[in-house]
Protein backbone atom coordinates (compact mmCIF):
# COMPACT_ATOMS: atom_id res chain seq x y z
CA UNK A 1 -3.59 -28.92 -6.29
CA UNK A 2 -6.09 -26.32 -5.69
CA UNK A 3 -3.64 -23.59 -3.81
CA UNK A 4 -0.81 -24.24 -6.79
CA UNK A 5 -3.58 -23.76 -9.19
CA UNK A 6 -4.65 -20.81 -7.61
CA UNK A 7 -1.54 -19.11 -6.42
CA UNK A 8 -0.04 -19.34 -9.79
CA UNK A 9 -2.96 -17.19 -11.19
CA UNK A 10 -2.59 -15.14 -8.61
CA UNK A 11 0.80 -14.49 -9.62
CA UNK A 12 0.40 -14.11 -13.18
CA UNK A 13 -2.90 -11.44 -12.83
CA UNK A 14 -0.22 -9.25 -10.67
CA UNK A 15 2.98 -9.92 -13.18
CA UNK A 16 0.39 -8.81 -15.78
CA UNK A 17 -1.63 -5.96 -14.03
CA UNK A 18 2.12 -4.56 -12.97
CA UNK A 19 3.51 -5.16 -16.47
CA UNK A 20 0.71 -3.09 -18.12
CA UNK A 21 1.23 0.11 -16.00
CA UNK A 22 5.04 0.16 -16.80
CA UNK A 23 4.07 -0.52 -20.66
CA UNK A 24 1.56 2.30 -21.09
CA UNK A 25 4.51 4.53 -18.80
CA UNK A 26 7.03 3.70 -21.30
CA UNK A 27 4.75 4.95 -24.46
CA UNK A 28 3.39 7.69 -22.19
CA UNK A 29 6.35 8.88 -20.46
CA UNK A 30 8.24 10.31 -23.41
CA UNK A 31 5.75 12.85 -24.63
CA UNK A 32 5.30 14.50 -21.26
CA UNK A 33 8.85 13.85 -19.65
CA UNK A 34 10.03 11.79 -16.76
CA UNK A 35 9.49 13.94 -13.89
CA UNK A 36 8.13 12.89 -10.48
CA UNK A 37 4.51 14.32 -10.87
CA UNK A 38 3.77 12.82 -13.91
CA UNK A 39 4.96 9.34 -12.39
CA UNK A 40 2.88 10.57 -9.57
CA UNK A 41 -0.42 10.90 -11.43
CA UNK A 42 0.19 7.57 -13.34
CA UNK A 43 0.18 5.59 -9.53
CA UNK A 44 -2.50 8.02 -8.84
CA UNK A 45 -4.57 6.66 -11.99
CA UNK A 46 -3.28 2.99 -11.75
CA UNK A 47 -4.43 3.51 -7.82
CA UNK A 48 -7.83 4.47 -8.49
CA UNK A 49 -8.74 2.18 -10.86
CA UNK A 50 -7.30 -0.63 -8.61
CA UNK A 51 -10.14 0.80 -6.16
CA UNK A 52 -12.49 0.17 -8.98
CA UNK A 53 -11.25 -3.40 -9.45
CA UNK A 54 -11.66 -4.07 -5.71
CA UNK A 55 -15.22 -2.25 -5.59
CA UNK A 56 -15.83 -4.61 -8.38
CA UNK A 57 -14.89 -7.68 -6.82
CA UNK A 58 -16.60 -6.87 -3.46
CA UNK A 59 -19.75 -5.97 -5.16
CA UNK A 60 -19.61 -9.13 -7.20
CA UNK A 61 -19.01 -11.24 -4.10
CA UNK A 62 -21.95 -10.08 -2.26
CA UNK A 63 -24.61 -10.53 -5.31
CA UNK A 64 -23.44 -13.67 -6.31
CA UNK A 65 -25.09 -17.09 -6.45
CA UNK A 66 -25.49 -20.14 -8.19
CA UNK A 67 -22.47 -22.33 -10.14
CA UNK A 68 -22.17 -20.29 -12.88
CA UNK A 69 -22.24 -16.93 -11.53
CA UNK A 70 -18.56 -18.40 -10.15
CA UNK A 71 -17.51 -17.94 -13.91
CA UNK A 72 -18.36 -14.12 -13.92
CA UNK A 73 -14.62 -13.07 -13.79
CA UNK A 74 -13.84 -15.21 -16.29
CA UNK A 75 -16.16 -13.75 -18.77
CA UNK A 76 -15.42 -10.47 -17.78
CA UNK A 77 -11.75 -10.82 -18.43
CA UNK A 78 -12.77 -11.82 -21.64
CA UNK A 79 -15.07 -8.98 -22.39
CA UNK A 80 -12.75 -6.48 -21.02
CA UNK A 81 -10.05 -7.47 -23.64
CA UNK A 82 -12.00 -6.28 -26.47
CA UNK A 83 -11.55 -2.80 -25.06
CA UNK A 84 -7.54 -3.19 -24.68
CA UNK A 85 -5.64 -0.52 -26.75
CA UNK A 86 -1.98 -0.91 -26.09
CA UNK A 87 -0.89 1.63 -28.60
CA UNK A 88 -0.58 5.21 -29.17
CA UNK A 89 -1.67 5.45 -32.57
CA UNK A 90 -4.81 7.59 -32.89
CA UNK A 91 -4.21 9.49 -29.14
CA UNK A 92 -3.58 13.30 -29.76
CA UNK A 93 -0.76 15.27 -28.91
CA UNK A 94 -1.02 17.32 -25.67
CA UNK A 95 -0.96 20.63 -25.75
CA UNK A 96 2.19 22.66 -24.52
CA UNK A 97 0.82 25.53 -23.08
CA UNK A 98 -1.92 23.45 -20.89
CA UNK A 99 -1.53 21.38 -17.84
CA UNK A 100 -0.64 17.85 -18.99
CA UNK A 101 -2.51 15.88 -16.24
CA UNK A 102 -5.89 15.67 -17.88
CA UNK A 103 -4.87 14.79 -21.13
CA UNK A 104 -2.17 12.36 -19.20
CA UNK A 105 -5.19 10.79 -17.38
CA UNK A 106 -7.35 10.82 -20.18
CA UNK A 107 -5.00 8.75 -22.36
CA UNK A 108 -4.75 6.04 -19.37
CA UNK A 109 -8.33 5.89 -19.54
CA UNK A 110 -8.81 5.10 -23.16
CA UNK A 111 -5.75 3.00 -23.31
CA UNK A 112 -6.15 0.39 -20.20
CA UNK A 113 -9.10 1.56 -18.06
CA UNK A 114 -11.63 -0.87 -18.35
CA UNK A 115 -9.25 -4.08 -18.62
CA UNK A 116 -7.34 -2.67 -15.74
CA UNK A 117 -10.49 -2.57 -13.73
CA UNK A 118 -11.40 -5.92 -14.45
CA UNK A 119 -7.64 -7.60 -14.41
CA UNK A 120 -7.21 -5.52 -10.65
CA UNK A 121 -10.48 -7.54 -9.30
CA UNK A 122 -8.84 -10.78 -9.53
CA UNK A 123 -6.91 -11.01 -6.12
CA UNK A 124 -9.78 -10.77 -4.05
CA UNK A 125 -12.13 -12.59 -6.49
CA UNK A 126 -9.65 -15.31 -6.34
CA UNK A 127 -9.09 -15.32 -2.69
CA UNK A 128 -13.02 -15.16 -2.22
CA UNK A 129 -13.38 -18.08 -4.14
CA UNK A 130 -10.19 -20.25 -2.69
CA UNK A 131 -12.49 -19.86 0.49
CA UNK A 132 -14.90 -22.30 -0.76
CA UNK A 133 -12.39 -24.79 -1.99
CA UNK A 134 -12.29 -26.87 0.81
CA UNK A 135 -8.59 -26.78 0.82
CA UNK A 136 -6.56 -27.62 3.83
CA UNK A 137 -5.62 -23.59 4.06
CA UNK A 138 -9.00 -22.44 2.54
CA UNK A 139 -10.02 -20.99 5.83
CA UNK A 140 -7.46 -17.99 5.74
CA UNK A 141 -6.38 -17.66 2.02
CA UNK A 142 -4.89 -14.24 2.53
CA UNK A 143 -1.76 -15.66 2.18
CA UNK A 144 -2.74 -15.71 -1.45
CA UNK A 145 -1.96 -11.62 -1.29
CA UNK A 146 1.77 -12.25 -0.40
CA UNK A 147 1.95 -14.92 -3.95
CA UNK A 148 0.11 -11.63 -5.69
CA UNK A 149 2.21 -8.76 -4.60
CA UNK A 150 5.02 -11.36 -5.53
CA UNK A 151 4.04 -11.24 -8.52
CA UNK A 152 3.90 -7.73 -9.13
CA UNK A 153 7.64 -7.82 -7.99
CA UNK A 154 8.39 -10.16 -10.32
CA UNK A 155 7.36 -8.02 -13.06
CA UNK A 156 8.85 -4.59 -11.60
CA UNK A 157 12.33 -6.33 -11.39
CA UNK A 158 12.04 -8.01 -14.68
CA UNK A 159 10.84 -5.16 -16.56
CA UNK A 160 13.99 -2.95 -17.10
CA UNK A 161 16.31 -5.99 -16.93
CA UNK A 162 15.19 -7.92 -19.13
CA UNK A 163 11.65 -6.95 -20.85
CA UNK A 164 12.33 -3.77 -21.76
CA UNK A 165 16.17 -3.81 -22.88
CA UNK A 166 15.32 -7.18 -25.34
CA UNK A 167 11.90 -6.42 -26.56
CA UNK A 168 10.67 -3.33 -28.77
CA UNK A 169 7.18 -1.95 -27.30
CA UNK A 170 4.78 -4.01 -29.71
CA UNK A 171 6.31 -7.60 -28.97
CA UNK A 172 5.84 -6.48 -25.35
CA UNK A 173 2.09 -5.84 -26.04
CA UNK A 174 1.80 -9.29 -28.35
CA UNK A 175 3.60 -11.48 -25.60
CA UNK A 176 1.52 -9.38 -22.87
CA UNK A 177 -1.55 -10.34 -24.38
CA UNK A 178 -0.29 -13.86 -24.70
CA UNK A 179 0.11 -13.81 -20.92
CA UNK A 180 -4.15 -12.33 -20.74
CA UNK A 181 -5.27 -15.09 -22.38
CA UNK A 182 -3.34 -17.73 -20.48
CA UNK A 183 -4.74 -15.99 -17.02
CA UNK A 184 -8.50 -16.18 -18.39
CA UNK A 185 -7.68 -19.74 -19.01
CA UNK A 186 -6.56 -20.27 -15.20
CA UNK A 187 -9.16 -18.22 -13.89
CA UNK A 188 -11.83 -20.57 -15.57
CA UNK A 189 -9.95 -23.54 -14.17
CA UNK A 190 -10.00 -21.99 -10.79
CA UNK A 191 -14.09 -21.13 -11.24
CA UNK A 192 -14.53 -24.76 -12.19
CA UNK A 193 -12.55 -26.21 -9.30
CA UNK A 194 -15.12 -24.04 -6.86
CA UNK A 195 -18.07 -24.98 -8.83
CA UNK A 196 -17.29 -28.78 -8.46
CA UNK A 197 -16.54 -28.48 -5.38
CA UNK A 198 -20.07 -26.11 -3.87
CA UNK A 199 -22.40 -28.49 -6.32
CA UNK A 200 -25.61 -26.41 -7.09
CA UNK A 201 -24.35 -24.04 -3.79
CA UNK A 202 -22.77 -20.87 -4.31
CA UNK A 203 -19.19 -20.23 -2.78
CA UNK A 204 -20.65 -17.94 -0.54
CA UNK A 205 -22.98 -20.13 0.89
CA UNK A 206 -20.09 -22.52 1.59
CA UNK A 207 -18.39 -19.83 3.32
CA UNK A 208 -20.87 -18.41 5.26
CA UNK A 209 -21.97 -22.23 6.83
CA UNK A 210 -18.52 -22.31 8.30
CA UNK A 211 -17.79 -19.17 9.11
CA UNK A 212 -20.22 -16.92 10.21
CA UNK A 213 -20.45 -18.77 13.67
CA UNK A 214 -17.42 -17.46 14.75
CA UNK A 215 -16.48 -14.34 13.02
CA UNK A 216 -16.79 -11.30 13.94
CA UNK A 217 -17.82 -7.77 12.18
CA UNK A 218 -15.13 -5.36 11.59
CA UNK A 219 -16.07 -2.26 13.84
CA UNK A 220 -15.94 1.53 12.07
CA UNK A 221 -12.72 2.26 14.34
CA UNK A 222 -11.44 -1.05 12.52
CA UNK A 223 -12.50 0.07 9.20
CA UNK A 224 -10.83 3.60 9.98
CA UNK A 225 -7.71 1.76 10.69
CA UNK A 226 -7.32 -0.60 7.93
CA UNK A 227 -7.81 2.39 5.88
CA UNK A 228 -4.77 4.75 7.58
CA UNK A 229 -2.55 2.20 7.75
CA UNK A 230 -2.69 1.96 4.01
CA UNK A 231 -2.92 5.00 3.19
CA UNK A 232 0.57 5.96 5.23
CA UNK A 233 3.05 3.57 3.08
CA UNK A 234 1.05 4.60 0.00
CA UNK A 235 1.56 8.02 0.44
CA UNK A 236 5.05 7.43 1.89
CA UNK A 237 5.96 5.77 -1.49
CA UNK A 238 5.18 8.88 -3.64
CA UNK A 239 6.93 11.20 -0.80
CA UNK A 240 10.15 9.52 -0.62
CA UNK A 241 10.59 9.20 -4.16
CA UNK A 242 9.77 13.06 -4.82
CA UNK A 243 11.79 14.53 -1.66
CA UNK A 244 15.24 11.85 -2.56
CA UNK A 245 14.80 12.96 -6.42
CA UNK A 246 13.83 16.49 -5.82
CA UNK A 247 15.86 17.93 -2.79
CA UNK A 248 18.61 15.41 -2.82
CA UNK A 249 19.57 14.09 -6.28
CA UNK A 250 18.03 13.04 -9.73
CA UNK A 251 18.76 9.37 -10.54
CA UNK A 252 17.16 8.06 -14.02
CA UNK A 253 14.66 4.54 -12.96
CA UNK A 254 15.13 5.57 -8.98
CA UNK A 255 11.22 5.02 -8.62
CA UNK A 256 11.81 1.62 -9.11
CA UNK A 257 13.87 1.03 -5.97
CA UNK A 258 10.97 2.44 -3.41
CA UNK A 259 8.16 0.31 -4.77
CA UNK A 260 10.54 -2.82 -4.77
CA UNK A 261 10.62 -2.21 -1.00
CA UNK A 262 6.88 -1.18 -0.87
CA UNK A 263 5.76 -4.65 -2.59
CA UNK A 264 8.25 -6.47 -0.66
CA UNK A 265 6.78 -5.12 2.49
CA UNK A 266 3.19 -7.09 1.35
CA UNK A 267 4.90 -9.93 0.60
CA UNK A 268 6.53 -10.29 4.35
CA UNK A 269 3.97 -9.26 5.87
CA UNK A 270 0.98 -11.46 4.47
CA UNK A 271 3.89 -14.41 3.79
CA UNK A 272 2.76 -17.56 6.48
CA UNK A 273 6.19 -19.32 5.93
CA UNK A 274 7.83 -17.44 9.47
CA UNK A 275 6.43 -14.92 11.63
CA UNK A 276 8.21 -11.53 11.68
CA UNK A 277 8.19 -10.09 15.20
CA UNK A 278 6.50 -6.57 15.48
CA UNK A 279 7.76 -5.31 18.38
CA UNK A 280 11.74 -5.94 16.32
CA UNK A 281 10.06 -4.08 13.36
CA UNK A 282 8.67 -1.35 15.94
CA UNK A 283 12.26 -0.82 17.50
CA UNK A 284 13.94 -0.39 14.14
CA UNK A 285 11.30 1.72 12.84
CA UNK A 286 12.02 4.25 16.09
CA UNK A 287 15.99 3.99 15.38
CA UNK A 288 16.04 4.73 11.71
CA UNK A 289 13.73 7.58 12.41
CA UNK A 290 15.92 9.66 14.82
CA UNK A 291 18.32 9.97 11.80
CA UNK A 292 15.70 10.79 9.43
CA UNK A 293 14.63 13.74 11.68
CA UNK A 294 18.31 15.00 11.98
CA UNK A 295 18.53 14.85 8.26
CA UNK A 296 15.58 16.94 8.19
CA UNK A 297 16.73 19.34 10.67
CA UNK A 298 20.33 19.40 9.25
CA UNK A 299 19.16 19.88 5.40
CA UNK A 300 22.13 17.80 4.91
CA UNK A 301 22.39 17.34 1.07
CA UNK A 302 25.97 16.21 0.55
CA UNK A 303 26.27 12.58 1.34
CA UNK A 304 24.36 11.14 -0.96
CA UNK A 305 24.56 7.43 -0.22
CA UNK A 306 24.06 7.97 3.47
CA UNK A 307 20.76 10.16 2.30
CA UNK A 308 19.33 7.30 -0.06
CA UNK A 309 20.07 4.64 2.49
CA UNK A 310 18.73 6.34 5.31
CA UNK A 311 15.55 7.44 3.71
CA UNK A 312 14.74 4.38 1.50
CA UNK A 313 15.57 1.96 5.04
CA UNK A 314 12.98 4.06 7.60
CA UNK A 315 10.40 4.02 4.64
CA UNK A 316 10.83 0.09 4.31
CA UNK A 317 10.69 -0.42 8.03
CA UNK A 318 7.76 2.18 8.25
CA UNK A 319 5.65 0.38 5.26
CA UNK A 320 6.47 -2.98 6.82
CA UNK A 321 5.66 -2.34 10.32
CA UNK A 322 2.40 -0.82 8.89
CA UNK A 323 1.36 -3.70 6.61
CA UNK A 324 2.12 -6.51 9.67
CA UNK A 325 -0.26 -4.39 11.73
CA UNK A 326 -3.32 -4.78 8.56
CA UNK A 327 -1.91 -8.95 8.38
CA UNK A 328 -2.91 -9.14 11.79
CA UNK A 329 -6.11 -7.11 11.75
CA UNK A 330 -7.48 -9.08 8.98
CA UNK A 331 -10.87 -10.21 9.32
CA UNK A 332 -12.84 -13.62 9.14
CA UNK A 333 -13.21 -14.39 5.04
CA UNK A 334 -16.66 -13.50 5.01
CA UNK A 335 -15.39 -9.88 5.19
CA UNK A 336 -12.02 -10.34 2.91
CA UNK A 337 -13.50 -8.05 0.12
CA UNK A 338 -14.20 -5.66 1.98
CA UNK A 339 -10.99 -5.49 3.57
CA UNK A 340 -9.25 -5.49 0.57
CA UNK A 341 -11.67 -2.56 -0.44
CA UNK A 342 -10.62 -0.54 2.61
CA UNK A 343 -7.27 -1.22 1.81
CA UNK A 344 -7.20 0.17 -1.72
CA UNK A 345 -8.65 3.14 -0.70
CA UNK A 346 -6.43 3.91 1.46
CA UNK A 347 -3.65 3.26 -1.22
CA UNK A 348 -5.76 5.66 -3.61
CA UNK A 349 -6.34 8.21 -1.40
CA UNK A 350 -2.59 8.34 -0.69
CA UNK A 351 -1.90 8.61 -4.05
CA UNK A 352 -4.59 11.67 -4.44
CA UNK A 353 -3.09 13.23 -1.30
CA UNK A 354 0.58 13.26 -3.02
CA UNK A 355 -0.42 13.61 -6.58
CA UNK A 356 -2.94 16.35 -6.30
CA UNK A 357 -3.15 18.29 -3.26
CA UNK A 358 0.16 18.02 -1.98
CA UNK A 359 1.60 20.65 -4.55
CA UNK A 360 -1.44 22.85 -3.82
CA UNK A 361 -0.98 23.14 -0.37
CA UNK A 362 2.56 22.72 0.35
CA UNK A 363 5.27 24.58 -1.56
CA UNK A 364 7.78 21.87 -0.86
CA UNK A 365 7.40 18.38 -0.01
CA UNK A 366 6.13 18.55 3.14
CA UNK A 367 3.68 15.38 3.07
CA UNK A 368 6.56 13.09 2.75
CA UNK A 369 7.73 13.93 6.86
CA UNK A 370 4.31 14.34 8.03
CA UNK A 371 2.86 11.24 6.66
CA UNK A 372 6.11 9.74 8.84
CA UNK A 373 4.92 11.42 11.92
CA UNK A 374 1.49 9.87 11.35
CA UNK A 375 3.09 6.65 10.96
CA UNK A 376 4.77 6.86 13.93
CA UNK A 377 0.83 7.77 15.66
CA UNK A 378 -0.09 4.55 14.15
CA UNK A 379 2.52 1.95 15.99
CA UNK A 380 1.10 -1.01 17.54
CA UNK A 381 0.51 -0.25 21.21
CA UNK A 382 -1.79 -0.26 23.97
CA UNK A 383 -3.62 3.00 25.92
CA UNK A 384 -1.12 4.29 28.21
CA UNK A 385 -1.55 3.44 32.05
CA UNK A 386 -0.79 6.03 34.74
CA UNK A 387 2.84 5.50 35.15
CA UNK A 388 2.87 7.14 31.28
CA UNK A 389 0.77 9.85 31.88
CA UNK A 390 2.49 10.77 34.73
CA UNK A 391 5.93 10.46 32.75
CA UNK A 392 3.69 12.32 30.10
CA UNK A 393 3.05 15.19 32.24
CA UNK A 394 6.61 15.41 33.86
CA UNK A 395 8.12 15.68 30.14
CA UNK A 396 5.57 18.17 29.58
CA UNK A 397 6.96 20.33 32.70
CA UNK A 398 10.27 20.94 30.47
CA UNK A 399 7.66 23.10 27.94
CA UNK A 400 7.39 20.93 25.00
CA UNK A 401 3.67 20.00 24.18
CA UNK A 402 1.64 17.04 25.22
CA UNK A 403 1.77 15.80 21.31
CA UNK A 404 5.71 15.23 21.64
CA UNK A 405 5.39 13.52 24.99
CA UNK A 406 2.92 11.18 23.04
CA UNK A 407 4.87 10.51 20.29
CA UNK A 408 8.26 10.37 22.11
CA UNK A 409 6.45 7.26 24.23
CA UNK A 410 5.18 6.04 20.73
CA UNK A 411 8.44 6.01 19.34
CA UNK A 412 10.57 4.30 22.37
CA UNK A 413 8.09 3.18 24.80
CA UNK A 414 7.07 4.47 28.46
CA UNK A 415 10.42 5.27 29.98
CA UNK A 416 11.44 7.71 26.56
CA UNK A 417 14.34 5.99 26.22
CA UNK A 418 16.90 7.55 28.36
CA UNK A 419 14.73 10.58 29.63
CA UNK A 420 15.02 10.45 33.52
CA UNK A 421 11.90 10.64 35.12
CA UNK A 422 13.20 14.28 36.40
CA UNK A 423 12.64 15.56 33.07
CA UNK A 424 13.86 16.05 29.84
CA UNK A 425 17.65 16.70 31.13
CA UNK A 426 18.59 12.93 30.48
CA UNK A 427 17.95 12.60 27.67
CA UNK A 428 21.04 10.62 25.36
CA UNK A 429 21.23 13.28 22.45
CA UNK A 430 20.31 16.58 21.82
CA UNK A 431 19.48 15.64 18.52
CA UNK A 432 17.33 13.40 19.65
CA UNK A 433 15.38 16.47 21.51
CA UNK A 434 15.34 18.63 18.75
CA UNK A 435 13.93 15.55 16.24
CA UNK A 436 11.10 15.34 19.29
CA UNK A 437 10.33 18.79 19.12
CA UNK A 438 10.10 18.36 15.38
CA UNK A 439 7.87 15.51 15.83
CA UNK A 440 5.82 17.86 18.15
CA UNK A 441 5.61 20.48 15.84
CA UNK A 442 4.32 18.72 12.90
CA UNK A 443 2.00 16.83 14.90
CA UNK A 444 0.47 20.30 16.26
CA UNK A 445 -0.92 20.56 12.54
CA UNK A 446 -3.37 17.79 13.86
CA UNK A 447 -6.26 19.02 15.59
CA UNK A 448 -5.78 17.62 19.43
CA UNK A 449 -8.75 17.00 21.77
CA UNK A 450 -7.96 15.74 25.30
CA UNK A 451 -5.09 14.59 27.31
CA UNK A 452 -1.81 12.51 25.84
CA UNK A 453 -3.79 9.31 26.19
CA UNK A 454 -6.14 10.24 23.07
CA UNK A 455 -2.76 10.27 20.67
CA UNK A 456 -2.24 7.55 18.20
CA UNK A 457 -4.25 5.61 16.04
CA UNK A 458 -3.32 2.31 17.14
CA UNK A 459 -5.12 3.27 20.54
CA UNK A 460 -8.41 2.99 18.67
CA UNK A 461 -9.89 -0.53 20.28
CA UNK A 462 -11.65 -2.71 17.88
């Protein structure tokens, strides 16, 4: 029963969280236009607000004590509703000659800032509470994150197909408010379940009693891996959207497709119904990254369907691989809120990098292929052995950088997928060779110290 109630509450919470993003975007974007930069700025705002929500959940969980403290989140949800302003009435128009980004951020803050932050904290807060219910699956509540992302996915798919075509903005606001009230009631019910279970002791005390004996504190390197594994898919989400809509073809509402794939990768990675073999996903990633490299090298723009299919598939598989690695690296429930805090920091950094820094640093959409290379270096794997290092040296003897050799091993394994032990002459295809050269050139942007065995953040030991 507890699992169903908590899962339903998280599903509704995530659906409302995503719905309000789309609703406010529908109100604001017509004023500024639906360009990729405007949408990326909206995504950046909501990712930062999500970060603040996860920070609130982490601090509240660390400082919470006593039975009634479990009702803090439902109370804050009710208070946050007082500052909700789902209307453009009274909002001043932007200056046509000025940069629209400050106006956009200020408008989003006034309309949904505080309620969104509190609502965003629901997922980690309720998962931490569920760990104190004593239910059969309470020792590993991370599967509820799949239910949360499933709610986001349901809101994303239903909004352009059901909600937006048949409901006016005022009607959407009323339905959203009704769902928000239902969420407050369900959150209070979840808190009551834990309070009844723990008696006079807090949920945190119950968790620590059963979890402290075998829990291992995550190291700095593990936290860094959480951060970058969350950063890469977030940046790629915006990067692939900008690349396809700017450099290939402008398609209305195309941003929905990469976002669906991004959320679906979270659902698949954290669900527990079936096991996903990481080795198979890593092989698929390598398979699709080669044609992506070919498309970049040849500057192919004619076959739009091929371009969209290859880029979106490579993005989805790469995001899934990163999220599978995150699910594998999840800590004990004692560090649950900290884990989600680092995930949100990584996601927010991805949004900031693409929306604010990349347009200033780069003249073209370089951030997309650059982060693809970073994602390749995040592939799960062990430190190279002596045979692999010898192959690296032979490969480098062909005149390519050691980083390219390392990238090749990360992509295709120790035998370089077709390179003979005599060097690069055994490459199955010259285009693959060119892709590896491109990877090495892009990877040369990264500071390099030491030999080839230092490449890849996946080599950082926990």
